């Protein structure tokens, strides 16, 4: 599927396209076949291995990662797209994403953001758009822009801004066990299902 200029490819298994059987052998053979299947799909789409940004690699157990990494490096060479193997990149960077701690929870479910404004926008809003903002979830970025511009927005925007003050870091898959969060989730669902954004 192509969306926003990006090609998304479904998962590739270690099935031989000719025999329609799973590759025999260990993790190396399975990885090699899955990557060969990926290569065929890339070529059919008119792109190459060097265009790949990320692959999600799923392996049962931790025993096969060394072999999988070797095959991955052999396949991609020095291009090295992110392998997406769990949360290893965060651990390598020393970023705490342990959701049982406040710091880890905020690191995992919030995002750094940058809001740019030209001179005209700064003049009209009376804001210099400088400084470091608070930790918020990506779902509240538009609220932050409205706040910096001095706009109140629709009733929905005002509601979500009020919720941002109470629960600044939220995620649909994490139950905060609070009435405020459940109300926010319910109203957001209702709004998305019943109202159309108009230019």
C-alpha atoms as a PDB file:
ATOM      1  CA  UNK A   1       0.000   0.000   0.000  1.00  0.00           C
ATOM      2  CA  UNK A   2       1.251   3.491  -0.803  1.00  0.00           C
ATOM      3  CA  UNK A   3       0.215   6.337   1.518  1.00  0.00           C
ATOM      4  CA  UNK A   4       1.754   9.786   1.793  1.00  0.00           C
ATOM      5  CA  UNK A   5       4.502   8.845  -0.639  1.00  0.00           C
ATOM      6  CA  UNK A   6       5.547   5.888   1.539  1.00  0.00           C
ATOM      7  CA  UNK A   7       5.298   2.233   0.533  1.00  0.00           C
ATOM      8  CA  UNK A   8       4.050  -0.068   3.310  1.00  0.00           C
ATOM      9  CA  UNK A   9       4.645  -3.784   2.836  1.00  0.00           C
ATOM     10  CA  UNK A  10       2.863  -6.477   4.793  1.00  0.00           C
ATOM     11  CA  UNK A  11       4.830  -9.014   6.790  1.00  0.00           C
ATOM     12  CA  UNK A  12       6.975 -11.442   4.841  1.00  0.00           C
ATOM     13  CA  UNK A  13       7.298 -15.006   6.049  1.00  0.00           C
ATOM     14  CA  UNK A  14       9.958 -17.552   5.208  1.00  0.00           C
ATOM     15  CA  UNK A  15       7.728 -19.217   2.598  1.00  0.00           C
ATOM     16  CA  UNK A  16       9.403 -20.323  -0.618  1.00  0.00           C
ATOM     17  CA  UNK A  17       7.276 -18.734  -3.390  1.00  0.00           C
ATOM     18  CA  UNK A  18       7.853 -21.718  -5.707  1.00  0.00           C
ATOM     19  CA  UNK A  19       7.261 -24.663  -3.355  1.00  0.00           C
ATOM     20  CA  UNK A  20       4.899 -22.711  -1.037  1.00  0.00           C
ATOM     21  CA  UNK A  21       6.628 -24.379   1.902  1.00  0.00           C
ATOM     22  CA  UNK A  22       8.341 -22.853   4.910  1.00  0.00           C
ATOM     23  CA  UNK A  23      12.124 -22.705   4.587  1.00  0.00           C
ATOM     24  CA  UNK A  24      13.940 -25.546   6.274  1.00  0.00           C
ATOM     25  CA  UNK A  25      16.689 -24.946   8.797  1.00  0.00           C
ATOM     26  CA  UNK A  26      17.244 -22.469  11.583  1.00  0.00           C
ATOM     27  CA  UNK A  27      16.768 -18.761  12.038  1.00  0.00           C
ATOM     28  CA  UNK A  28      19.367 -17.901   9.374  1.00  0.00           C
ATOM     29  CA  UNK A  29      17.517 -19.820   6.685  1.00  0.00           C
ATOM     30  CA  UNK A  30      14.156 -18.412   7.723  1.00  0.00           C
ATOM     31  CA  UNK A  31      15.500 -14.866   7.824  1.00  0.00           C
ATOM     32  CA  UNK A  32      17.232 -15.273   4.465  1.00  0.00           C
ATOM     33  CA  UNK A  33      13.997 -16.485   2.788  1.00  0.00           C
ATOM     34  CA  UNK A  34      11.842 -13.776   4.380  1.00  0.00           C
ATOM     35  CA  UNK A  35      14.300 -11.104   3.207  1.00  0.00           C
ATOM     36  CA  UNK A  36      14.379 -12.613  -0.303  1.00  0.00           C
ATOM     37  CA  UNK A  37      10.574 -12.356  -0.356  1.00  0.00           C
ATOM     38  CA  UNK A  38      10.832  -8.741   0.786  1.00  0.00           C
ATOM     39  CA  UNK A  39      13.331  -8.046  -1.987  1.00  0.00           C
ATOM     40  CA  UNK A  40      10.926  -9.436  -4.604  1.00  0.00           C
ATOM     41  CA  UNK A  41       8.126  -7.176  -3.353  1.00  0.00           C
ATOM     42  CA  UNK A  42      10.441  -4.144  -3.335  1.00  0.00           C
ATOM     43  CA  UNK A  43      11.540  -4.820  -6.916  1.00  0.00           C
ATOM     44  CA  UNK A  44       7.927  -5.298  -8.039  1.00  0.00           C
ATOM     45  CA  UNK A  45       7.117  -1.903  -6.540  1.00  0.00           C
ATOM     46  CA  UNK A  46      10.041  -0.292  -8.367  1.00  0.00           C
ATOM     47  CA  UNK A  47      12.196   0.440  -5.312  1.00  0.00           C
ATOM     48  CA  UNK A  48      15.371  -1.020  -3.870  1.00  0.00           C
ATOM     49  CA  UNK A  49      16.744  -2.122  -0.519  1.00  0.00           C
ATOM     50  CA  UNK A  50      18.380   1.278  -0.144  1.00  0.00           C
ATOM     51  CA  UNK A  51      14.928   2.905  -0.036  1.00  0.00           C
ATOM     52  CA  UNK A  52      13.879   0.927   3.051  1.00  0.00           C
ATOM     53  CA  UNK A  53      13.512   3.034   6.196  1.00  0.00           C
ATOM     54  CA  UNK A  54      12.409   0.397   8.695  1.00  0.00           C
ATOM     55  CA  UNK A  55      11.661  -3.302   8.978  1.00  0.00           C
ATOM     56  CA  UNK A  56       9.832  -4.856  11.894  1.00  0.00           C
ATOM     57  CA  UNK A  57      11.471  -8.151  12.762  1.00  0.00           C
ATOM     58  CA  UNK A  58       9.670 -10.557  15.080  1.00  0.00           C
ATOM     59  CA  UNK A  59      11.413 -13.620  16.441  1.00  0.00           C
ATOM     60  CA  UNK A  60      10.087 -16.090  18.985  1.00  0.00           C
ATOM     61  CA  UNK A  61      12.523 -16.028  21.896  1.00  0.00           C
ATOM     62  CA  UNK A  62      15.816 -14.199  22.232  1.00  0.00           C
ATOM     63  CA  UNK A  63      18.143 -16.979  21.128  1.00  0.00           C
ATOM     64  CA  UNK A  64      18.048 -16.144  17.415  1.00  0.00           C
ATOM     65  CA  UNK A  65      18.850 -12.438  17.422  1.00  0.00           C
ATOM     66  CA  UNK A  66      22.561 -12.798  16.655  1.00  0.00           C
ATOM     67  CA  UNK A  67      21.869 -14.932  13.591  1.00  0.00           C
ATOM     68  CA  UNK A  68      18.980 -12.687  12.527  1.00  0.00           C
ATOM     69  CA  UNK A  69      21.171  -9.589  12.847  1.00  0.00           C
ATOM     70  CA  UNK A  70      23.886 -11.230  10.729  1.00  0.00           C
ATOM     71  CA  UNK A  71      21.427 -12.029   7.938  1.00  0.00           C
ATOM     72  CA  UNK A  72      19.925  -8.555   8.169  1.00  0.00           C
ATOM     73  CA  UNK A  73      23.374  -6.942   7.806  1.00  0.00           C
ATOM     74  CA  UNK A  74      24.240  -9.244   4.906  1.00  0.00           C
ATOM     75  CA  UNK A  75      21.003  -8.330   3.128  1.00  0.00           C
ATOM     76  CA  UNK A  76      21.099  -4.542   3.619  1.00  0.00           C
ATOM     77  CA  UNK A  77      24.871  -4.003   3.695  1.00  0.00           C
ATOM     78  CA  UNK A  78      25.876  -0.554   4.912  1.00  0.00           C
ATOM     79  CA  UNK A  79      22.364   0.900   4.433  1.00  0.00           C
ATOM     80  CA  UNK A  80      21.113  -0.447   7.806  1.00  0.00           C
ATOM     81  CA  UNK A  81      17.454   0.624   8.111  1.00  0.00           C
ATOM     82  CA  UNK A  82      16.081   0.453  11.649  1.00  0.00           C
ATOM     83  CA  UNK A  83      15.198  -3.124  12.527  1.00  0.00           C
ATOM     84  CA  UNK A  84      12.480  -2.230  14.988  1.00  0.00           C
ATOM     85  CA  UNK A  85      13.540  -5.071  17.254  1.00  0.00           C
ATOM     86  CA  UNK A  86      11.576  -4.309  20.352  1.00  0.00           C
ATOM     87  CA  UNK A  87      12.714  -1.283  22.318  1.00  0.00           C
ATOM     88  CA  UNK A  88      16.426  -1.884  21.870  1.00  0.00           C
ATOM     89  CA  UNK A  89      17.105   1.520  20.321  1.00  0.00           C
ATOM     90  CA  UNK A  90      15.816   3.251  23.471  1.00  0.00           C
ATOM     91  CA  UNK A  91      17.992   1.075  25.695  1.00  0.00           C
ATOM     92  CA  UNK A  92      21.047   1.754  23.537  1.00  0.00           C
ATOM     93  CA  UNK A  93      20.395   5.503  23.853  1.00  0.00           C
ATOM     94  CA  UNK A  94      19.946   5.204  27.614  1.00  0.00           C
ATOM     95  CA  UNK A  95      16.308   6.336  27.508  1.00  0.00           C
ATOM     96  CA  UNK A  96      14.113   4.968  30.293  1.00  0.00           C
ATOM     97  CA  UNK A  97      10.837   3.582  28.875  1.00  0.00           C
ATOM     98  CA  UNK A  98       9.913   1.420  31.862  1.00  0.00           C
ATOM     99  CA  UNK A  99       6.208   2.281  32.232  1.00  0.00           C
ATOM    100  CA  UNK A 100       6.253   1.339  35.906  1.00  0.00           C
ATOM    101  CA  UNK A 101       8.178   4.564  36.596  1.00  0.00           C
ATOM    102  CA  UNK A 102       6.898   8.109  36.072  1.00  0.00           C
ATOM    103  CA  UNK A 103       9.899   9.055  33.916  1.00  0.00           C
ATOM    104  CA  UNK A 104       9.602   5.908  31.796  1.00  0.00           C
ATOM    105  CA  UNK A 105       5.860   6.361  31.326  1.00  0.00           C
ATOM    106  CA  UNK A 106       6.300   9.941  30.173  1.00  0.00           C
ATOM    107  CA  UNK A 107       9.191   9.009  27.858  1.00  0.00           C
ATOM    108  CA  UNK A 108       7.166   6.183  26.309  1.00  0.00           C
ATOM    109  CA  UNK A 109       3.859   7.973  25.782  1.00  0.00           C
ATOM    110  CA  UNK A 110       4.860  11.587  25.127  1.00  0.00           C
ATOM    111  CA  UNK A 111       6.728  13.125  22.247  1.00  0.00           C
ATOM    112  CA  UNK A 112       9.153  16.002  21.802  1.00  0.00           C
ATOM    113  CA  UNK A 113       7.686  18.743  19.672  1.00  0.00           C
ATOM    114  CA  UNK A 114       8.852  21.794  17.817  1.00  0.00           C
ATOM    115  CA  UNK A 115       6.524  24.604  16.780  1.00  0.00           C
ATOM    116  CA  UNK A 116       7.876  27.019  14.178  1.00  0.00           C
ATOM    117  CA  UNK A 117       6.395  30.419  13.424  1.00  0.00           C
ATOM    118  CA  UNK A 118       7.427  33.092  10.940  1.00  0.00           C
ATOM    119  CA  UNK A 119       7.773  36.767  11.879  1.00  0.00           C
ATOM    120  CA  UNK A 120       4.224  37.591  10.763  1.00  0.00           C
ATOM    121  CA  UNK A 121       2.745  34.856  12.984  1.00  0.00           C
ATOM    122  CA  UNK A 122       4.818  36.077  15.930  1.00  0.00           C
ATOM    123  CA  UNK A 123       3.606  39.639  15.360  1.00  0.00           C
ATOM    124  CA  UNK A 124      -0.074  38.706  15.017  1.00  0.00           C
ATOM    125  CA  UNK A 125      -0.144  36.351  18.017  1.00  0.00           C
ATOM    126  CA  UNK A 126       2.160  38.381  20.246  1.00  0.00           C
ATOM    127  CA  UNK A 127       4.102  35.211  21.030  1.00  0.00           C
ATOM    128  CA  UNK A 128       7.759  34.596  20.280  1.00  0.00           C
ATOM    129  CA  UNK A 129       7.214  30.819  20.278  1.00  0.00           C
ATOM    130  CA  UNK A 130      10.420  30.285  22.259  1.00  0.00           C
ATOM    131  CA  UNK A 131      11.210  28.081  25.183  1.00  0.00           C
ATOM    132  CA  UNK A 132      10.635  24.526  26.200  1.00  0.00           C
ATOM    133  CA  UNK A 133       7.073  23.331  26.614  1.00  0.00           C
ATOM    134  CA  UNK A 134       5.651  20.888  29.081  1.00  0.00           C
ATOM    135  CA  UNK A 135       5.533  17.144  28.526  1.00  0.00           C
ATOM    136  CA  UNK A 136       2.362  16.273  26.607  1.00  0.00           C
ATOM    137  CA  UNK A 137       1.060  13.498  24.403  1.00  0.00           C
ATOM    138  CA  UNK A 138       1.070  13.985  20.641  1.00  0.00           C
ATOM    139  CA  UNK A 139      -2.746  14.086  20.743  1.00  0.00           C
ATOM    140  CA  UNK A 140      -2.507  17.505  22.449  1.00  0.00           C
ATOM    141  CA  UNK A 141      -0.136  19.235  19.997  1.00  0.00           C
ATOM    142  CA  UNK A 142      -2.924  21.203  18.301  1.00  0.00           C
ATOM    143  CA  UNK A 143      -4.122  22.358  21.729  1.00  0.00           C
ATOM    144  CA  UNK A 144      -0.627  23.670  22.383  1.00  0.00           C
ATOM    145  CA  UNK A 145      -0.597  25.577  19.074  1.00  0.00           C
ATOM    146  CA  UNK A 146      -3.991  27.123  19.903  1.00  0.00           C
ATOM    147  CA  UNK A 147      -2.725  28.106  23.351  1.00  0.00           C
ATOM    148  CA  UNK A 148       0.395  29.779  21.929  1.00  0.00           C
ATOM    149  CA  UNK A 149      -1.728  31.676  19.405  1.00  0.00           C
ATOM    150  CA  UNK A 150      -4.191  32.802  22.067  1.00  0.00           C
ATOM    151  CA  UNK A 151      -7.107  31.002  20.424  1.00  0.00           C
ATOM    152  CA  UNK A 152      -9.844  29.239  22.374  1.00  0.00           C
ATOM    153  CA  UNK A 153     -11.062  27.008  19.567  1.00  0.00           C
ATOM    154  CA  UNK A 154     -14.280  25.002  19.408  1.00  0.00           C
ATOM    155  CA  UNK A 155     -16.057  23.555  22.433  1.00  0.00           C
ATOM    156  CA  UNK A 156     -14.283  20.284  21.712  1.00  0.00           C
ATOM    157  CA  UNK A 157     -10.896  22.013  21.624  1.00  0.00           C
ATOM    158  CA  UNK A 158     -11.674  23.747  24.929  1.00  0.00           C
ATOM    159  CA  UNK A 159     -12.705  20.427  26.464  1.00  0.00           C
ATOM    160  CA  UNK A 160      -9.533  18.625  25.362  1.00  0.00           C
ATOM    161  CA  UNK A 161      -7.394  21.538  26.556  1.00  0.00           C
ATOM    162  CA  UNK A 162      -9.005  21.246  29.992  1.00  0.00           C
ATOM    163  CA  UNK A 163      -8.286  17.514  29.952  1.00  0.00           C
ATOM    164  CA  UNK A 164      -4.672  18.188  28.944  1.00  0.00           C
ATOM    165  CA  UNK A 165      -4.279  20.213  32.136  1.00  0.00           C
ATOM    166  CA  UNK A 166      -5.468  17.235  34.205  1.00  0.00           C
ATOM    167  CA  UNK A 167      -3.841  14.361  32.297  1.00  0.00           C
ATOM    168  CA  UNK A 168      -1.114  15.671  29.961  1.00  0.00           C
ATOM    169  CA  UNK A 169       0.217  12.249  28.903  1.00  0.00           C
ATOM    170  CA  UNK A 170      -2.346   9.754  27.630  1.00  0.00           C
ATOM    171  CA  UNK A 171      -2.398   6.742  25.354  1.00  0.00           C
ATOM    172  CA  UNK A 172      -5.331   4.667  24.185  1.00  0.00           C
ATOM    173  CA  UNK A 173      -3.723   1.332  25.129  1.00  0.00           C
ATOM    174  CA  UNK A 174      -2.923   2.439  28.688  1.00  0.00           C
ATOM    175  CA  UNK A 175      -5.733   2.670  31.215  1.00  0.00           C
ATOM    176  CA  UNK A 176      -5.070   5.551  33.589  1.00  0.00           C
ATOM    177  CA  UNK A 177      -7.996   4.346  35.729  1.00  0.00           C
ATOM    178  CA  UNK A 178      -9.369   7.830  36.089  1.00  0.00           C
ATOM    179  CA  UNK A 179     -12.807   9.219  35.360  1.00  0.00           C
ATOM    180  CA  UNK A 180     -11.172  12.204  33.654  1.00  0.00           C
ATOM    181  CA  UNK A 181      -9.352   9.972  31.190  1.00  0.00           C
ATOM    182  CA  UNK A 182     -12.417   7.829  30.469  1.00  0.00           C
ATOM    183  CA  UNK A 183     -14.474  10.973  29.837  1.00  0.00           C
ATOM    184  CA  UNK A 184     -11.750  12.349  27.539  1.00  0.00           C
ATOM    185  CA  UNK A 185     -11.625   9.061  25.626  1.00  0.00           C
ATOM    186  CA  UNK A 186     -15.437   8.897  25.295  1.00  0.00           C
ATOM    187  CA  UNK A 187     -15.794  12.504  24.103  1.00  0.00           C
ATOM    188  CA  UNK A 188     -12.903  12.127  21.647  1.00  0.00           C
ATOM    189  CA  UNK A 189     -14.464   8.970  20.191  1.00  0.00           C
ATOM    190  CA  UNK A 190     -17.897  10.668  19.901  1.00  0.00           C
ATOM    191  CA  UNK A 191     -16.415  13.764  18.242  1.00  0.00           C
ATOM    192  CA  UNK A 192     -14.432  11.773  15.671  1.00  0.00           C
ATOM    193  CA  UNK A 193     -17.437   9.640  14.776  1.00  0.00           C
ATOM    194  CA  UNK A 194     -20.021  12.441  14.537  1.00  0.00           C
ATOM    195  CA  UNK A 195     -18.373  15.634  13.320  1.00  0.00           C
ATOM    196  CA  UNK A 196     -16.635  16.478  10.088  1.00  0.00           C
ATOM    197  CA  UNK A 197     -13.747  18.935   9.990  1.00  0.00           C
ATOM    198  CA  UNK A 198     -14.594  21.818   7.704  1.00  0.00           C
ATOM    199  CA  UNK A 199     -11.977  24.124   6.171  1.00  0.00           C
END
